[in-house]
Amino acid sequence: MTSDPGTYVLVLHCRAAASVQVGRWGDLRLHRGYYLYVGSAFGPGGVRARVGRHCRNEKSLHWHIDYLRAYAKLVNVWLTYDVRRREHQWATVLGQDDRVQPIPGFGCTDCDCESHLFYTNHRPVLAQFSLSSEGGLECLTCTDFADVSARSPSCR
């Protein structure tokens, strides 16, 4: 795992329906199934720091996805260390895929994308989606990101 910049998709599993208040964004009705969240990590610490944060259970609520993480287990992370920002391109690709449903407005208050969060009732597999990357794509788990001494229970 490196601290290089990149783009990622969090694959989350929600075991039960729930209603979540997501900051000022509003109420999110969760369904049993899987959620795909597209993000990028071009700041300090890159992918390692950003995804490592998403893997932790204990954290301040900053991004929309932080509110969802209390109700859904992070099962996989799809990522690229491509220096080109792929976040919006990947969100567009997922938004055009009939196997997933966009959650309008989620995670995209700073861009023109319809959504950065998508729902499906079947476990998604990276190979099913046409996510492009010049740096190659990886499929990892939280264990690959967490420092052994700081692993949260959901990342073991």
C-alpha atoms as a PDB file:
ATOM      1  CA  MET A   1       0.000   0.000   0.000  1.00  0.00           C
ATOM      2  CA  THR A   2       1.364   3.384  -0.917  1.00  0.00           C
ATOM      3  CA  SER A   3       0.680   7.000  -0.114  1.00  0.00           C
ATOM      4  CA  ASP A   4       0.446   7.877  -3.796  1.00  0.00           C
ATOM      5  CA  PRO A   5      -2.615   9.765  -5.053  1.00  0.00           C
ATOM      6  CA  GLY A   6      -5.418   7.874  -6.740  1.00  0.00           C
ATOM      7  CA  THR A   7      -9.097   7.084  -7.174  1.00  0.00           C
ATOM      8  CA  TYR A   8     -11.092   4.424  -5.346  1.00  0.00           C
ATOM      9  CA  VAL A   9     -14.479   2.749  -5.003  1.00  0.00           C
ATOM     10  CA  LEU A  10     -15.596   1.593  -1.564  1.00  0.00           C
ATOM     11  CA  VAL A  11     -17.751  -1.551  -1.740  1.00  0.00           C
ATOM     12  CA  LEU A  12     -20.004  -1.579   1.320  1.00  0.00           C
ATOM     13  CA  HIS A  13     -22.480  -4.182   2.540  1.00  0.00           C
ATOM     14  CA  CYS A  14     -25.610  -3.119   4.406  1.00  0.00           C
ATOM     15  CA  ARG A  15     -27.232  -6.049   6.252  1.00  0.00           C
ATOM     16  CA  ALA A  16     -30.489  -4.343   7.191  1.00  0.00           C
ATOM     17  CA  ALA A  17     -32.700  -1.473   6.087  1.00  0.00           C
ATOM     18  CA  ALA A  18     -32.148   1.768   7.979  1.00  0.00           C
ATOM     19  CA  SER A  19     -32.725   5.487   7.813  1.00  0.00           C
ATOM     20  CA  VAL A  20     -29.649   7.690   8.237  1.00  0.00           C
ATOM     21  CA  GLN A  21     -29.465  11.444   8.714  1.00  0.00           C
ATOM     22  CA  VAL A  22     -26.483  12.513   6.578  1.00  0.00           C
ATOM     23  CA  GLY A  23     -25.436  15.892   7.951  1.00  0.00           C
ATOM     24  CA  ARG A  24     -27.132  18.748   6.105  1.00  0.00           C
ATOM     25  CA  TRP A  25     -27.591  16.562   3.006  1.00  0.00           C
ATOM     26  CA  GLY A  26     -30.689  14.934   4.466  1.00  0.00           C
ATOM     27  CA  ASP A  27     -32.224  11.549   5.172  1.00  0.00           C
ATOM     28  CA  LEU A  28     -30.834   8.488   3.396  1.00  0.00           C
ATOM     29  CA  ARG A  29     -32.981   5.336   3.270  1.00  0.00           C
ATOM     30  CA  LEU A  30     -30.646   2.367   3.219  1.00  0.00           C
ATOM     31  CA  HIS A  31     -31.718  -0.980   1.810  1.00  0.00           C
ATOM     32  CA  ARG A  32     -30.228  -4.376   2.446  1.00  0.00           C
ATOM     33  CA  GLY A  33     -27.567  -4.917  -0.213  1.00  0.00           C
ATOM     34  CA  TYR A  34     -24.392  -3.296  -1.503  1.00  0.00           C
ATOM     35  CA  TYR A  35     -23.328   0.297  -1.984  1.00  0.00           C
ATOM     36  CA  LEU A  36     -20.507   1.562  -4.191  1.00  0.00           C
ATOM     37  CA  TYR A  37     -18.974   4.910  -3.246  1.00  0.00           C
ATOM     38  CA  VAL A  38     -16.558   6.637  -5.644  1.00  0.00           C
ATOM     39  CA  GLY A  39     -13.892   8.881  -4.170  1.00  0.00           C
ATOM     40  CA  SER A  40     -10.421  10.238  -4.772  1.00  0.00           C
ATOM     41  CA  ALA A  41      -7.342  10.815  -2.675  1.00  0.00           C
ATOM     42  CA  PHE A  42      -5.070  13.486  -4.085  1.00  0.00           C
ATOM     43  CA  GLY A  43      -4.255  15.194  -0.790  1.00  0.00           C
ATOM     44  CA  PRO A  44      -1.606  14.483   1.855  1.00  0.00           C
ATOM     45  CA  GLY A  45      -1.151  10.755   2.459  1.00  0.00           C
ATOM     46  CA  GLY A  46      -2.912   9.799  -0.789  1.00  0.00           C
ATOM     47  CA  VAL A  47      -4.900   6.591  -1.085  1.00  0.00           C
ATOM     48  CA  ARG A  48      -3.366   4.971   1.998  1.00  0.00           C
ATOM     49  CA  ALA A  49      -4.467   7.791   4.314  1.00  0.00           C
ATOM     50  CA  ARG A  50      -7.923   8.352   2.801  1.00  0.00           C
ATOM     51  CA  VAL A  51      -8.985   4.717   2.526  1.00  0.00           C
ATOM     52  CA  GLY A  52      -7.365   3.957   5.878  1.00  0.00           C
ATOM     53  CA  ARG A  53      -9.674   6.599   7.358  1.00  0.00           C
ATOM     54  CA  HIS A  54     -12.699   5.031   5.665  1.00  0.00           C
ATOM     55  CA  CYS A  55     -11.714   1.673   7.208  1.00  0.00           C
ATOM     56  CA  ARG A  56     -11.762   3.051  10.759  1.00  0.00           C
ATOM     57  CA  ASN A  57     -14.992   2.827  12.731  1.00  0.00           C
ATOM     58  CA  GLU A  58     -14.066   5.653  15.112  1.00  0.00           C
ATOM     59  CA  LYS A  59     -13.776   8.999  13.325  1.00  0.00           C
ATOM     60  CA  SER A  60     -15.371  12.402  13.090  1.00  0.00           C
ATOM     61  CA  LEU A  61     -18.224  12.727  10.606  1.00  0.00           C
ATOM     62  CA  HIS A  62     -16.834  14.851   7.788  1.00  0.00           C
ATOM     63  CA  TRP A  63     -17.865  13.437   4.398  1.00  0.00           C
ATOM     64  CA  HIS A  64     -21.255  12.040   3.392  1.00  0.00           C
ATOM     65  CA  ILE A  65     -19.799   8.526   3.315  1.00  0.00           C
ATOM     66  CA  ASP A  66     -18.800   8.783   6.987  1.00  0.00           C
ATOM     67  CA  TYR A  67     -22.485   8.691   7.968  1.00  0.00           C
ATOM     68  CA  LEU A  68     -23.148   5.591   5.865  1.00  0.00           C
ATOM     69  CA  ARG A  69     -20.140   3.722   7.300  1.00  0.00           C
ATOM     70  CA  ALA A  70     -21.888   3.402  10.677  1.00  0.00           C
ATOM     71  CA  TYR A  71     -24.505   1.191   8.975  1.00  0.00           C
ATOM     72  CA  ALA A  72     -22.512  -0.649   6.310  1.00  0.00           C
ATOM     73  CA  LYS A  73     -19.396  -2.813   6.438  1.00  0.00           C
ATOM     74  CA  LEU A  74     -16.584  -1.980   4.053  1.00  0.00           C
ATOM     75  CA  VAL A  75     -15.909  -5.284   2.245  1.00  0.00           C
ATOM     76  CA  ASN A  76     -13.635  -4.247  -0.635  1.00  0.00           C
ATOM     77  CA  VAL A  77     -11.805  -1.283  -2.064  1.00  0.00           C
ATOM     78  CA  TRP A  78     -11.230  -0.979  -5.807  1.00  0.00           C
ATOM     79  CA  LEU A  79      -8.457   1.475  -6.566  1.00  0.00           C
ATOM     80  CA  THR A  80      -5.947   2.865  -8.975  1.00  0.00           C
ATOM     81  CA  TYR A  81      -2.837   4.915  -8.356  1.00  0.00           C
ATOM     82  CA  ASP A  82      -3.373   6.574 -11.718  1.00  0.00           C
ATOM     83  CA  VAL A  83      -2.233  10.212 -11.480  1.00  0.00           C
ATOM     84  CA  ARG A  84      -5.245  11.218 -13.564  1.00  0.00           C
ATOM     85  CA  ARG A  85      -8.337  11.972 -11.483  1.00  0.00           C
ATOM     86  CA  ARG A  86     -10.864   9.262 -12.368  1.00  0.00           C
ATOM     87  CA  GLU A  87     -13.523   9.974  -9.709  1.00  0.00           C
ATOM     88  CA  HIS A  88     -16.028  11.744 -11.966  1.00  0.00           C
ATOM     89  CA  GLN A  89     -15.393   9.440 -14.925  1.00  0.00           C
ATOM     90  CA  TRP A  90     -16.024   6.363 -12.740  1.00  0.00           C
ATOM     91  CA  ALA A  91     -19.164   7.919 -11.215  1.00  0.00           C
ATOM     92  CA  THR A  92     -20.461   8.519 -14.740  1.00  0.00           C
ATOM     93  CA  VAL A  93     -19.687   4.925 -15.787  1.00  0.00           C
ATOM     94  CA  LEU A  94     -21.476   3.517 -12.729  1.00  0.00           C
ATOM     95  CA  GLY A  95     -24.397   5.898 -13.259  1.00  0.00           C
ATOM     96  CA  GLN A  96     -24.912   4.458 -16.751  1.00  0.00           C
ATOM     97  CA  ASP A  97     -24.816   0.828 -15.595  1.00  0.00           C
ATOM     98  CA  ASP A  98     -28.233  -0.845 -15.298  1.00  0.00           C
ATOM     99  CA  ARG A  99     -26.997  -3.124 -12.479  1.00  0.00           C
ATOM    100  CA  VAL A 100     -26.677  -0.240 -10.026  1.00  0.00           C
ATOM    101  CA  GLN A 101     -28.943   2.613  -8.945  1.00  0.00           C
ATOM    102  CA  PRO A 102     -27.501   6.067  -8.242  1.00  0.00           C
ATOM    103  CA  ILE A 103     -28.407   7.817  -4.991  1.00  0.00           C
ATOM    104  CA  PRO A 104     -28.942  11.332  -6.451  1.00  0.00           C
ATOM    105  CA  GLY A 105     -26.809  14.076  -4.922  1.00  0.00           C
ATOM    106  CA  PHE A 106     -24.834  11.853  -2.543  1.00  0.00           C
ATOM    107  CA  GLY A 107     -21.140  12.666  -2.279  1.00  0.00           C
ATOM    108  CA  CYS A 108     -21.147  15.079  -5.191  1.00  0.00           C
ATOM    109  CA  THR A 109     -22.015  18.473  -3.758  1.00  0.00           C
ATOM    110  CA  ASP A 110     -18.767  19.866  -5.219  1.00  0.00           C
ATOM    111  CA  CYS A 111     -19.198  18.592  -8.804  1.00  0.00           C
ATOM    112  CA  ASP A 112     -21.742  18.061 -11.589  1.00  0.00           C
ATOM    113  CA  CYS A 113     -22.060  14.277 -11.178  1.00  0.00           C
ATOM    114  CA  GLU A 114     -25.501  12.820 -10.515  1.00  0.00           C
ATOM    115  CA  SER A 115     -24.081  10.795  -7.622  1.00  0.00           C
ATOM    116  CA  HIS A 116     -20.978   9.237  -6.136  1.00  0.00           C
ATOM    117  CA  LEU A 117     -23.005   6.536  -4.336  1.00  0.00           C
ATOM    118  CA  PHE A 118     -24.713   3.599  -6.055  1.00  0.00           C
ATOM    119  CA  TYR A 119     -26.866   0.731  -4.796  1.00  0.00           C
ATOM    120  CA  THR A 120     -27.165  -2.875  -5.958  1.00  0.00           C
ATOM    121  CA  ASN A 121     -28.780  -5.875  -4.296  1.00  0.00           C
ATOM    122  CA  HIS A 122     -26.058  -8.242  -5.605  1.00  0.00           C
ATOM    123  CA  ARG A 123     -22.423  -8.267  -4.514  1.00  0.00           C
ATOM    124  CA  PRO A 124     -20.518  -6.317  -7.196  1.00  0.00           C
ATOM    125  CA  VAL A 125     -17.346  -7.671  -8.779  1.00  0.00           C
ATOM    126  CA  LEU A 126     -14.711  -5.318 -10.155  1.00  0.00           C
ATOM    127  CA  ALA A 127     -14.405  -7.211 -13.443  1.00  0.00           C
ATOM    128  CA  GLN A 128     -18.102  -6.510 -14.197  1.00  0.00           C
ATOM    129  CA  PHE A 129     -17.516  -2.773 -14.494  1.00  0.00           C
ATOM    130  CA  SER A 130     -15.657  -0.825 -17.183  1.00  0.00           C
ATOM    131  CA  LEU A 131     -13.561   1.385 -14.929  1.00  0.00           C
ATOM    132  CA  SER A 132     -10.568   2.660 -16.885  1.00  0.00           C
ATOM    133  CA  SER A 133      -7.147   3.344 -15.455  1.00  0.00           C
ATOM    134  CA  GLU A 134      -3.642   3.888 -16.766  1.00  0.00           C
ATOM    135  CA  GLY A 135      -2.158   2.627 -13.501  1.00  0.00           C
ATOM    136  CA  GLY A 136      -4.015  -0.692 -13.300  1.00  0.00           C
ATOM    137  CA  LEU A 137      -6.827  -1.609 -10.922  1.00  0.00           C
ATOM    138  CA  GLU A 138      -6.563  -3.400  -7.585  1.00  0.00           C
ATOM    139  CA  CYS A 139      -9.169  -4.999  -5.354  1.00  0.00           C
ATOM    140  CA  LEU A 140      -8.219  -4.858  -1.666  1.00  0.00           C
ATOM    141  CA  THR A 141      -9.708  -5.049   1.841  1.00  0.00           C
ATOM    142  CA  CYS A 142      -9.306  -2.848   4.903  1.00  0.00           C
ATOM    143  CA  THR A 143      -6.654  -5.218   6.221  1.00  0.00           C
ATOM    144  CA  ASP A 144      -4.440  -4.117   3.351  1.00  0.00           C
ATOM    145  CA  PHE A 145      -4.701  -0.489   4.527  1.00  0.00           C
ATOM    146  CA  ALA A 146      -4.729  -0.744   8.300  1.00  0.00           C
ATOM    147  CA  ASP A 147      -1.699  -0.583  10.508  1.00  0.00           C
ATOM    148  CA  VAL A 148      -1.689  -3.819  12.527  1.00  0.00           C
ATOM    149  CA  SER A 149      -1.642  -1.887  15.809  1.00  0.00           C
ATOM    150  CA  ALA A 150      -4.582   0.325  14.763  1.00  0.00           C
ATOM    151  CA  ARG A 151      -6.940  -2.118  13.025  1.00  0.00           C
ATOM    152  CA  SER A 152     -10.592  -1.668  13.778  1.00  0.00           C
ATOM    153  CA  PRO A 153     -12.790  -4.755  14.332  1.00  0.00           C
ATOM    154  CA  SER A 154     -14.447  -4.348  10.904  1.00  0.00           C
ATOM    155  CA  CYS A 155     -11.073  -4.546   9.128  1.00  0.00           C
ATOM    156  CA  ARG A 156      -9.885  -7.874  10.568  1.00  0.00           C
END
